[in-house]
Amino acid sequence: MERLLIVTALPQELDHAPIPYEHPVVFTGIGKLNAAVTLMDAISKHSPAMVINFGTAGRLSAHASGLVEVAEVIQRDMDAEPLSPRGTTPFDETPTTIASGFEGVRCGTGDSFMRSTDSWLLDQQVDIVDMELFALALVCHRRGVAWRSFKYITDDTDENAGRDWMERIHHGRALFLKKLTEIGST
């Protein structure tokens, strides 16, 4: 069986559920910096063949609902204009889009909880938003580790997003565990 490392921001997202096949689980904390530092340490410790991220996300696209898999991720809050276009890190070879190699939605990651629509994200065809995935995908990219990400849609990135997220943070757990069991049995 492939060595998997399960990564999520908060224990509440998994609601302390038992993970099938006893894969290690790492909780990164919220945000890109916490995610990157924690995952770098975890990859060094566990040497996984694949990192599987589970978390919550807000939706921008009406077709994103329930548990979705992420095909690619961009950084929504890197804005160093005029040095480089939004989403691009200036003077750096970091890719602006990191693909998982699997079909799914497009995610925009940033260190802010979205409570309104951002036209730039719509122009970039972003379906969902989160606060960790770009950092996780970049660490995997740089360390040569495959990754997949599954996000449970908790809110509509509107004025009710905070309340909706709090109420639904653990709702995707059973769906993710079912998906993880499917992945582990292949």
N, C-alpha and C. Protein backbone atom coordinates (compact mmCIF):
# COMPACT_ATOMS: atom_id res chain seq x y z
N MET A 1 0.85 -1.18 0.00
CA MET A 1 0.00 0.00 0.00
C MET A 1 0.89 1.24 0.00
N GLU A 2 0.50 2.22 -0.77
CA GLU A 2 1.23 3.48 -0.88
C GLU A 2 1.28 4.20 0.47
N ARG A 3 2.43 4.79 0.76
CA ARG A 3 2.57 5.56 2.00
C ARG A 3 1.87 6.90 1.83
N LEU A 4 0.78 7.08 2.55
CA LEU A 4 -0.01 8.31 2.48
C LEU A 4 0.19 9.11 3.75
N LEU A 5 0.16 10.42 3.60
CA LEU A 5 0.17 11.34 4.73
C LEU A 5 -1.08 12.19 4.61
N ILE A 6 -1.92 12.16 5.63
CA ILE A 6 -3.17 12.92 5.63
C ILE A 6 -2.90 14.26 6.31
N VAL A 7 -3.27 15.34 5.64
CA VAL A 7 -2.99 16.68 6.15
C VAL A 7 -4.28 17.49 6.14
N THR A 8 -4.58 18.10 7.28
CA THR A 8 -5.72 19.00 7.39
C THR A 8 -5.34 20.12 8.34
N ALA A 9 -6.03 21.23 8.25
CA ALA A 9 -5.68 22.37 9.09
C ALA A 9 -6.05 22.14 10.54
N LEU A 10 -7.27 21.70 10.78
CA LEU A 10 -7.80 21.65 12.14
C LEU A 10 -8.37 20.28 12.50
N PRO A 11 -8.21 19.84 13.74
CA PRO A 11 -8.82 18.58 14.16
C PRO A 11 -10.34 18.58 13.96
N GLN A 12 -10.98 19.73 14.11
CA GLN A 12 -12.43 19.80 13.97
C GLN A 12 -12.90 19.41 12.57
N GLU A 13 -12.05 19.60 11.56
CA GLU A 13 -12.45 19.24 10.20
C GLU A 13 -12.64 17.73 10.07
N LEU A 14 -11.84 16.97 10.78
CA LEU A 14 -12.00 15.51 10.79
C LEU A 14 -12.84 15.05 11.96
N ASP A 15 -13.15 15.95 12.87
CA ASP A 15 -13.99 15.64 14.03
C ASP A 15 -13.44 14.42 14.78
N HIS A 16 -12.10 14.34 14.85
CA HIS A 16 -11.41 13.28 15.59
C HIS A 16 -11.78 11.88 15.11
N ALA A 17 -12.07 11.75 13.83
CA ALA A 17 -12.45 10.46 13.26
C ALA A 17 -11.24 9.55 13.11
N PRO A 18 -11.43 8.24 13.27
CA PRO A 18 -10.33 7.30 13.02
C PRO A 18 -10.05 7.23 11.52
N ILE A 19 -8.79 7.25 11.17
CA ILE A 19 -8.37 7.22 9.77
C ILE A 19 -8.14 5.77 9.36
N PRO A 20 -8.72 5.34 8.23
CA PRO A 20 -8.51 3.96 7.79
C PRO A 20 -7.04 3.69 7.46
N TYR A 21 -6.62 2.45 7.66
CA TYR A 21 -5.28 1.98 7.34
C TYR A 21 -4.20 2.64 8.19
N GLU A 22 -4.58 3.34 9.23
CA GLU A 22 -3.63 3.94 10.17
C GLU A 22 -2.61 4.85 9.51
N HIS A 23 -3.01 5.60 8.52
CA HIS A 23 -2.13 6.59 7.92
C HIS A 23 -1.88 7.71 8.92
N PRO A 24 -0.67 8.26 8.94
CA PRO A 24 -0.43 9.39 9.84
C PRO A 24 -1.26 10.60 9.43
N VAL A 25 -1.69 11.35 10.44
CA VAL A 25 -2.49 12.56 10.23
C VAL A 25 -1.73 13.73 10.84
N VAL A 26 -1.63 14.81 10.08
CA VAL A 26 -0.96 16.01 10.55
C VAL A 26 -1.94 17.17 10.49
N PHE A 27 -2.01 17.92 11.58
CA PHE A 27 -2.83 19.14 11.63
C PHE A 27 -1.89 20.33 11.53
N THR A 28 -2.09 21.16 10.52
CA THR A 28 -1.15 22.25 10.25
C THR A 28 -1.46 23.55 10.98
N GLY A 29 -2.70 23.74 11.37
CA GLY A 29 -3.12 25.06 11.80
C GLY A 29 -3.58 25.83 10.57
N ILE A 30 -4.18 26.98 10.79
CA ILE A 30 -4.75 27.77 9.70
C ILE A 30 -3.69 28.64 9.03
N GLY A 31 -3.77 28.74 7.71
CA GLY A 31 -2.95 29.66 6.94
C GLY A 31 -1.79 29.01 6.21
N LYS A 32 -1.28 29.75 5.22
CA LYS A 32 -0.24 29.24 4.34
C LYS A 32 1.08 28.98 5.06
N LEU A 33 1.49 29.88 5.92
CA LEU A 33 2.77 29.70 6.60
C LEU A 33 2.74 28.48 7.52
N ASN A 34 1.70 28.37 8.34
CA ASN A 34 1.57 27.19 9.19
C ASN A 34 1.55 25.91 8.36
N ALA A 35 0.82 25.93 7.26
CA ALA A 35 0.71 24.75 6.40
C ALA A 35 2.06 24.35 5.83
N ALA A 36 2.81 25.32 5.31
CA ALA A 36 4.09 25.02 4.68
C ALA A 36 5.10 24.46 5.68
N VAL A 37 5.26 25.13 6.80
CA VAL A 37 6.25 24.70 7.79
C VAL A 37 5.91 23.33 8.35
N THR A 38 4.65 23.12 8.70
CA THR A 38 4.24 21.84 9.27
C THR A 38 4.40 20.71 8.26
N LEU A 39 4.03 20.95 7.00
CA LEU A 39 4.15 19.88 6.00
C LEU A 39 5.61 19.57 5.70
N MET A 40 6.48 20.56 5.66
CA MET A 40 7.90 20.28 5.42
C MET A 40 8.43 19.33 6.50
N ASP A 41 8.11 19.62 7.75
CA ASP A 41 8.54 18.74 8.84
C ASP A 41 7.93 17.35 8.71
N ALA A 42 6.64 17.28 8.37
CA ALA A 42 5.95 15.99 8.28
C ALA A 42 6.49 15.13 7.14
N ILE A 43 6.82 15.75 6.01
CA ILE A 43 7.40 14.98 4.90
C ILE A 43 8.76 14.43 5.30
N SER A 44 9.56 15.23 6.00
CA SER A 44 10.86 14.74 6.46
C SER A 44 10.70 13.57 7.43
N LYS A 45 9.70 13.63 8.28
CA LYS A 45 9.48 12.59 9.29
C LYS A 45 8.88 11.32 8.69
N HIS A 46 7.89 11.45 7.80
CA HIS A 46 7.11 10.29 7.33
C HIS A 46 7.49 9.78 5.94
N SER A 47 8.18 10.57 5.13
CA SER A 47 8.57 10.19 3.76
C SER A 47 7.40 9.59 2.97
N PRO A 48 6.29 10.32 2.84
CA PRO A 48 5.14 9.76 2.13
C PRO A 48 5.35 9.72 0.62
N ALA A 49 4.66 8.80 -0.03
CA ALA A 49 4.62 8.79 -1.49
C ALA A 49 3.59 9.81 -1.98
N MET A 50 2.58 10.06 -1.15
CA MET A 50 1.54 11.02 -1.52
C MET A 50 1.00 11.71 -0.27
N VAL A 51 0.75 13.01 -0.42
CA VAL A 51 0.07 13.79 0.61
C VAL A 51 -1.38 13.94 0.19
N ILE A 52 -2.29 13.65 1.11
CA ILE A 52 -3.71 13.86 0.84
C ILE A 52 -4.22 14.91 1.81
N ASN A 53 -4.65 16.01 1.24
CA ASN A 53 -5.19 17.11 2.04
C ASN A 53 -6.71 17.02 2.08
N PHE A 54 -7.26 17.23 3.26
CA PHE A 54 -8.69 17.39 3.42
C PHE A 54 -8.93 18.67 4.18
N GLY A 55 -9.94 19.40 3.75
CA GLY A 55 -10.28 20.62 4.45
C GLY A 55 -11.60 21.17 3.98
N THR A 56 -11.85 22.37 4.43
CA THR A 56 -13.09 23.06 4.07
C THR A 56 -12.77 24.18 3.10
N ALA A 57 -13.81 24.62 2.39
CA ALA A 57 -13.62 25.69 1.41
C ALA A 57 -14.92 26.45 1.22
N GLY A 58 -14.76 27.68 0.79
CA GLY A 58 -15.91 28.47 0.36
C GLY A 58 -16.05 28.35 -1.14
N ARG A 59 -17.25 28.47 -1.63
CA ARG A 59 -17.43 28.30 -3.08
C ARG A 59 -17.69 29.64 -3.75
N LEU A 60 -17.15 29.72 -4.96
CA LEU A 60 -17.42 30.84 -5.85
C LEU A 60 -18.27 30.38 -7.03
N SER A 61 -18.17 29.10 -7.37
CA SER A 61 -18.86 28.53 -8.51
C SER A 61 -20.05 27.71 -8.03
N ALA A 62 -21.18 27.88 -8.68
CA ALA A 62 -22.40 27.18 -8.28
C ALA A 62 -22.28 25.67 -8.40
N HIS A 63 -21.42 25.17 -9.30
CA HIS A 63 -21.32 23.72 -9.46
C HIS A 63 -20.48 23.04 -8.38
N ALA A 64 -19.81 23.81 -7.53
CA ALA A 64 -19.02 23.24 -6.45
C ALA A 64 -19.90 23.05 -5.22
N SER A 65 -20.11 21.80 -4.84
CA SER A 65 -20.90 21.52 -3.64
C SER A 65 -20.50 20.17 -3.08
N GLY A 66 -20.78 19.97 -1.80
CA GLY A 66 -20.42 18.72 -1.15
C GLY A 66 -18.91 18.57 -1.08
N LEU A 67 -18.42 17.36 -1.30
CA LEU A 67 -16.99 17.07 -1.31
C LEU A 67 -16.48 17.15 -2.74
N VAL A 68 -15.48 17.99 -2.98
CA VAL A 68 -14.92 18.14 -4.32
C VAL A 68 -13.43 17.82 -4.28
N GLU A 69 -12.92 17.34 -5.40
CA GLU A 69 -11.48 17.15 -5.53
C GLU A 69 -10.91 18.34 -6.28
N VAL A 70 -9.70 18.73 -5.90
CA VAL A 70 -9.05 19.89 -6.50
C VAL A 70 -8.10 19.43 -7.60
N ALA A 71 -8.27 20.01 -8.79
CA ALA A 71 -7.38 19.71 -9.91
C ALA A 71 -6.15 20.61 -9.90
N GLU A 72 -6.35 21.88 -9.54
CA GLU A 72 -5.23 22.82 -9.52
C GLU A 72 -5.52 23.94 -8.54
N VAL A 73 -4.42 24.59 -8.13
CA VAL A 73 -4.54 25.64 -7.12
C VAL A 73 -3.67 26.83 -7.51
N ILE A 74 -4.18 28.03 -7.21
CA ILE A 74 -3.43 29.26 -7.41
C ILE A 74 -3.36 30.00 -6.08
N GLN A 75 -2.47 30.98 -6.03
CA GLN A 75 -2.32 31.81 -4.84
C GLN A 75 -3.10 33.10 -5.07
N ARG A 76 -4.17 33.29 -4.32
CA ARG A 76 -5.07 34.42 -4.58
C ARG A 76 -4.64 35.71 -3.91
N ASP A 77 -3.74 35.64 -2.94
CA ASP A 77 -3.40 36.87 -2.22
C ASP A 77 -1.98 37.36 -2.47
N MET A 78 -1.25 36.76 -3.40
CA MET A 78 0.06 37.30 -3.77
C MET A 78 -0.19 38.44 -4.74
N ASP A 79 0.01 39.65 -4.27
CA ASP A 79 -0.25 40.84 -5.09
C ASP A 79 0.90 41.81 -4.92
N ALA A 80 1.88 41.69 -5.80
CA ALA A 80 3.07 42.53 -5.76
C ALA A 80 3.15 43.44 -6.99
N GLU A 81 1.98 43.79 -7.54
CA GLU A 81 1.98 44.70 -8.68
C GLU A 81 2.60 46.02 -8.25
N PRO A 82 3.41 46.63 -9.06
CA PRO A 82 3.69 46.41 -10.47
C PRO A 82 4.87 45.48 -10.76
N LEU A 83 5.44 44.84 -9.74
CA LEU A 83 6.59 43.97 -9.96
C LEU A 83 6.22 42.69 -10.71
N SER A 84 5.02 42.21 -10.49
CA SER A 84 4.53 41.03 -11.19
C SER A 84 3.02 41.02 -11.08
N PRO A 85 2.35 40.31 -11.99
CA PRO A 85 0.89 40.26 -11.94
C PRO A 85 0.40 39.59 -10.66
N ARG A 86 -0.81 39.92 -10.26
CA ARG A 86 -1.41 39.28 -9.09
C ARG A 86 -1.38 37.76 -9.27
N GLY A 87 -1.09 37.06 -8.19
CA GLY A 87 -1.00 35.61 -8.23
C GLY A 87 0.40 35.10 -8.54
N THR A 88 1.32 35.99 -8.86
CA THR A 88 2.68 35.62 -9.23
C THR A 88 3.66 36.18 -8.20
N THR A 89 4.57 35.35 -7.74
CA THR A 89 5.60 35.80 -6.80
C THR A 89 6.74 36.42 -7.61
N PRO A 90 7.05 37.70 -7.38
CA PRO A 90 8.10 38.33 -8.17
C PRO A 90 9.48 37.75 -7.86
N PHE A 91 10.32 37.70 -8.89
CA PHE A 91 11.71 37.25 -8.77
C PHE A 91 11.81 35.83 -8.22
N ASP A 92 10.86 34.99 -8.58
CA ASP A 92 10.80 33.64 -8.05
C ASP A 92 10.30 32.71 -9.16
N GLU A 93 10.80 31.50 -9.14
CA GLU A 93 10.40 30.52 -10.15
C GLU A 93 9.17 29.70 -9.72
N THR A 94 8.54 30.09 -8.62
CA THR A 94 7.37 29.38 -8.15
C THR A 94 6.29 29.37 -9.22
N PRO A 95 5.75 28.20 -9.56
CA PRO A 95 4.67 28.18 -10.55
C PRO A 95 3.45 28.94 -10.03
N THR A 96 2.73 29.58 -10.93
CA THR A 96 1.53 30.32 -10.52
C THR A 96 0.34 29.38 -10.34
N THR A 97 0.37 28.25 -11.01
CA THR A 97 -0.66 27.22 -10.88
C THR A 97 0.03 25.89 -10.62
N ILE A 98 -0.46 25.16 -9.63
CA ILE A 98 0.10 23.84 -9.33
C ILE A 98 -1.03 22.82 -9.50
N ALA A 99 -0.79 21.86 -10.38
CA ALA A 99 -1.82 20.86 -10.70
C ALA A 99 -1.58 19.58 -9.90
N SER A 100 -2.68 18.95 -9.51
CA SER A 100 -2.60 17.70 -8.76
C SER A 100 -2.43 16.48 -9.66
N GLY A 101 -2.83 16.62 -10.91
CA GLY A 101 -2.84 15.47 -11.81
C GLY A 101 -4.16 14.72 -11.80
N PHE A 102 -5.13 15.25 -11.07
CA PHE A 102 -6.46 14.64 -10.98
C PHE A 102 -7.50 15.65 -11.44
N GLU A 103 -8.63 15.15 -11.89
CA GLU A 103 -9.73 16.01 -12.33
C GLU A 103 -10.38 16.68 -11.12
N GLY A 104 -10.92 17.87 -11.35
CA GLY A 104 -11.64 18.52 -10.27
C GLY A 104 -11.77 20.01 -10.47
N VAL A 105 -11.87 20.71 -9.37
CA VAL A 105 -12.11 22.15 -9.37
C VAL A 105 -10.81 22.92 -9.25
N ARG A 106 -10.91 24.23 -9.45
CA ARG A 106 -9.76 25.13 -9.30
C ARG A 106 -9.92 25.88 -7.98
N CYS A 107 -8.87 25.86 -7.18
CA CYS A 107 -8.89 26.46 -5.85
C CYS A 107 -7.98 27.69 -5.82
N GLY A 108 -8.42 28.72 -5.12
CA GLY A 108 -7.60 29.90 -4.86
C GLY A 108 -7.29 29.97 -3.37
N THR A 109 -6.00 29.95 -3.02
CA THR A 109 -5.58 29.95 -1.62
C THR A 109 -5.10 31.33 -1.20
N GLY A 110 -5.49 31.74 0.00
CA GLY A 110 -5.01 33.01 0.55
C GLY A 110 -5.21 33.06 2.04
N ASP A 111 -4.46 33.95 2.67
CA ASP A 111 -4.54 34.10 4.12
C ASP A 111 -5.63 35.08 4.53
N SER A 112 -6.81 34.86 4.02
CA SER A 112 -7.98 35.65 4.43
C SER A 112 -9.22 34.78 4.28
N PHE A 113 -10.16 34.99 5.17
CA PHE A 113 -11.43 34.28 5.11
C PHE A 113 -12.35 35.10 4.22
N MET A 114 -12.74 34.55 3.09
CA MET A 114 -13.51 35.31 2.09
C MET A 114 -14.97 35.44 2.48
N ARG A 115 -15.44 36.68 2.47
CA ARG A 115 -16.84 36.97 2.79
C ARG A 115 -17.53 37.75 1.68
N SER A 116 -16.86 37.84 0.54
CA SER A 116 -17.45 38.53 -0.61
C SER A 116 -16.77 38.03 -1.88
N THR A 117 -17.36 38.34 -3.00
CA THR A 117 -16.83 37.91 -4.30
C THR A 117 -15.67 38.80 -4.71
N ASP A 118 -14.68 38.21 -5.34
CA ASP A 118 -13.51 38.91 -5.85
C ASP A 118 -13.51 38.69 -7.36
N SER A 119 -13.68 39.74 -8.13
CA SER A 119 -13.78 39.60 -9.59
C SER A 119 -12.52 39.00 -10.20
N TRP A 120 -11.35 39.24 -9.61
CA TRP A 120 -10.12 38.66 -10.13
C TRP A 120 -10.19 37.13 -10.07
N LEU A 121 -10.72 36.61 -8.98
CA LEU A 121 -10.85 35.16 -8.85
C LEU A 121 -11.80 34.59 -9.90
N LEU A 122 -12.87 35.30 -10.15
CA LEU A 122 -13.81 34.85 -11.19
C LEU A 122 -13.13 34.88 -12.55
N ASP A 123 -12.33 35.91 -12.82
CA ASP A 123 -11.58 35.99 -14.08
C ASP A 123 -10.59 34.83 -14.22
N GLN A 124 -10.07 34.35 -13.09
CA GLN A 124 -9.12 33.24 -13.09
C GLN A 124 -9.82 31.88 -13.08
N GLN A 125 -11.14 31.90 -13.15
CA GLN A 125 -11.96 30.68 -13.16
C GLN A 125 -11.76 29.83 -11.90
N VAL A 126 -11.63 30.52 -10.77
CA VAL A 126 -11.51 29.85 -9.48
C VAL A 126 -12.90 29.41 -9.04
N ASP A 127 -13.01 28.15 -8.64
CA ASP A 127 -14.28 27.58 -8.19
C ASP A 127 -14.47 27.68 -6.68
N ILE A 128 -13.37 27.48 -5.94
CA ILE A 128 -13.44 27.46 -4.48
C ILE A 128 -12.24 28.21 -3.89
N VAL A 129 -12.36 28.59 -2.62
CA VAL A 129 -11.26 29.27 -1.93
C VAL A 129 -10.98 28.60 -0.59
N ASP A 130 -9.69 28.57 -0.24
CA ASP A 130 -9.28 28.03 1.05
C ASP A 130 -8.11 28.85 1.58
N MET A 131 -7.47 28.35 2.65
CA MET A 131 -6.39 29.12 3.27
C MET A 131 -5.07 28.36 3.41
N GLU A 132 -4.96 27.14 2.86
CA GLU A 132 -3.73 26.37 3.01
C GLU A 132 -3.21 25.69 1.75
N LEU A 133 -4.06 25.34 0.82
CA LEU A 133 -3.68 24.38 -0.22
C LEU A 133 -2.51 24.82 -1.10
N PHE A 134 -2.42 26.07 -1.51
CA PHE A 134 -1.30 26.46 -2.37
C PHE A 134 0.03 26.16 -1.68
N ALA A 135 0.12 26.48 -0.40
CA ALA A 135 1.35 26.22 0.35
C ALA A 135 1.65 24.72 0.41
N LEU A 136 0.63 23.92 0.66
CA LEU A 136 0.81 22.47 0.71
C LEU A 136 1.28 21.94 -0.65
N ALA A 137 0.61 22.38 -1.71
CA ALA A 137 0.96 21.92 -3.06
C ALA A 137 2.37 22.35 -3.45
N LEU A 138 2.76 23.56 -3.04
CA LEU A 138 4.11 24.04 -3.37
C LEU A 138 5.17 23.22 -2.64
N VAL A 139 4.96 22.92 -1.38
CA VAL A 139 5.90 22.07 -0.65
C VAL A 139 6.01 20.71 -1.34
N CYS A 140 4.88 20.12 -1.70
CA CYS A 140 4.90 18.83 -2.41
C CYS A 140 5.64 18.95 -3.74
N HIS A 141 5.37 20.01 -4.48
CA HIS A 141 6.04 20.25 -5.77
C HIS A 141 7.56 20.30 -5.59
N ARG A 142 7.99 21.05 -4.60
CA ARG A 142 9.43 21.21 -4.38
C ARG A 142 10.09 19.96 -3.81
N ARG A 143 9.35 19.15 -3.09
CA ARG A 143 9.91 17.93 -2.50
C ARG A 143 9.68 16.70 -3.38
N GLY A 144 8.98 16.87 -4.51
CA GLY A 144 8.75 15.75 -5.41
C GLY A 144 7.77 14.72 -4.88
N VAL A 145 6.79 15.18 -4.11
CA VAL A 145 5.78 14.30 -3.52
C VAL A 145 4.44 14.55 -4.21
N ALA A 146 3.78 13.50 -4.63
CA ALA A 146 2.45 13.64 -5.24
C ALA A 146 1.46 14.15 -4.20
N TRP A 147 0.40 14.81 -4.68
CA TRP A 147 -0.62 15.31 -3.75
C TRP A 147 -2.00 15.23 -4.36
N ARG A 148 -2.96 15.12 -3.48
CA ARG A 148 -4.38 15.23 -3.83
C ARG A 148 -5.03 16.07 -2.75
N SER A 149 -6.12 16.72 -3.12
CA SER A 149 -6.84 17.52 -2.13
C SER A 149 -8.34 17.37 -2.32
N PHE A 150 -9.01 17.21 -1.20
CA PHE A 150 -10.46 17.11 -1.17
C PHE A 150 -10.98 18.20 -0.23
N LYS A 151 -11.92 18.98 -0.72
CA LYS A 151 -12.47 20.08 0.07
C LYS A 151 -13.98 19.91 0.21
N TYR A 152 -14.45 20.11 1.42
CA TYR A 152 -15.88 20.11 1.66
C TYR A 152 -16.36 21.55 1.64
N ILE A 153 -17.36 21.83 0.82
CA ILE A 153 -17.87 23.20 0.67
C ILE A 153 -18.77 23.54 1.86
N THR A 154 -18.33 24.52 2.63
CA THR A 154 -19.07 24.91 3.84
C THR A 154 -19.87 26.18 3.67
N ASP A 155 -19.49 27.01 2.69
CA ASP A 155 -20.13 28.33 2.64
C ASP A 155 -20.06 28.91 1.23
N ASP A 156 -20.76 30.02 1.06
CA ASP A 156 -20.86 30.69 -0.24
C ASP A 156 -20.02 31.97 -0.33
N THR A 157 -18.99 32.11 0.50
CA THR A 157 -18.14 33.30 0.53
C THR A 157 -18.97 34.59 0.54
N ASP A 158 -19.93 34.63 1.42
CA ASP A 158 -20.78 35.82 1.54
C ASP A 158 -20.80 36.29 2.99
N GLU A 159 -21.70 37.19 3.32
CA GLU A 159 -21.75 37.74 4.68
C GLU A 159 -22.07 36.69 5.74
N ASN A 160 -22.58 35.54 5.34
CA ASN A 160 -22.88 34.45 6.28
C ASN A 160 -21.78 33.40 6.35
N ALA A 161 -20.68 33.63 5.64
CA ALA A 161 -19.64 32.61 5.51
C ALA A 161 -19.09 32.14 6.85
N GLY A 162 -18.80 33.05 7.75
CA GLY A 162 -18.24 32.67 9.05
C GLY A 162 -19.17 31.78 9.84
N ARG A 163 -20.42 32.17 9.92
CA ARG A 163 -21.41 31.38 10.65
C ARG A 163 -21.60 30.01 9.99
N ASP A 164 -21.74 30.02 8.65
CA ASP A 164 -21.94 28.76 7.93
C ASP A 164 -20.75 27.82 8.12
N TRP A 165 -19.54 28.37 8.05
CA TRP A 165 -18.34 27.55 8.23
C TRP A 165 -18.33 26.91 9.61
N MET A 166 -18.62 27.70 10.64
CA MET A 166 -18.63 27.17 12.01
C MET A 166 -19.65 26.03 12.17
N GLU A 167 -20.80 26.18 11.54
CA GLU A 167 -21.84 25.16 11.64
C GLU A 167 -21.51 23.90 10.84
N ARG A 168 -20.73 24.03 9.78
CA ARG A 168 -20.53 22.91 8.84
C ARG A 168 -19.10 22.37 8.81
N ILE A 169 -18.24 22.86 9.66
CA ILE A 169 -16.82 22.50 9.60
C ILE A 169 -16.58 20.99 9.58
N HIS A 170 -17.39 20.23 10.27
CA HIS A 170 -17.17 18.78 10.37
C HIS A 170 -18.11 17.97 9.46
N HIS A 171 -18.92 18.61 8.65
CA HIS A 171 -19.91 17.89 7.85
C HIS A 171 -19.30 17.01 6.75
N GLY A 172 -18.12 17.33 6.28
CA GLY A 172 -17.53 16.56 5.18
C GLY A 172 -16.74 15.34 5.61
N ARG A 173 -16.60 15.15 6.90
CA ARG A 173 -15.76 14.07 7.44
C ARG A 173 -16.11 12.71 6.86
N ALA A 174 -17.37 12.30 6.92
CA ALA A 174 -17.76 10.97 6.46
C ALA A 174 -17.50 10.80 4.96
N LEU A 175 -17.76 11.85 4.19
CA LEU A 175 -17.51 11.78 2.74
C LEU A 175 -16.02 11.61 2.46
N PHE A 176 -15.19 12.35 3.20
CA PHE A 176 -13.74 12.23 3.01
C PHE A 176 -13.25 10.84 3.41
N LEU A 177 -13.71 10.33 4.54
CA LEU A 177 -13.27 9.01 4.98
C LEU A 177 -13.65 7.93 3.98
N LYS A 178 -14.81 8.06 3.37
CA LYS A 178 -15.21 7.11 2.32
C LYS A 178 -14.25 7.21 1.14
N LYS A 179 -13.93 8.44 0.72
CA LYS A 179 -12.99 8.64 -0.39
C LYS A 179 -11.61 8.09 -0.03
N LEU A 180 -11.17 8.33 1.19
CA LEU A 180 -9.87 7.84 1.63
C LEU A 180 -9.83 6.32 1.64
N THR A 181 -10.90 5.68 2.02
CA THR A 181 -10.99 4.22 1.98
C THR A 181 -10.87 3.72 0.54
N GLU A 182 -11.53 4.41 -0.39
CA GLU A 182 -11.43 4.05 -1.81
C GLU A 182 -9.99 4.19 -2.31
N ILE A 183 -9.33 5.27 -1.94
CA ILE A 183 -7.94 5.50 -2.36
C ILE A 183 -7.03 4.43 -1.77
N GLY A 184 -7.23 4.13 -0.50
CA GLY A 184 -6.38 3.15 0.19
C GLY A 184 -6.55 1.74 -0.30
N SER A 185 -7.68 1.44 -0.91
CA SER A 185 -7.92 0.07 -1.38
C SER A 185 -7.45 -0.15 -2.81
N THR A 186 -6.92 0.88 -3.45
CA THR A 186 -6.44 0.72 -4.83
C THR A 186 -4.97 0.39 -4.89
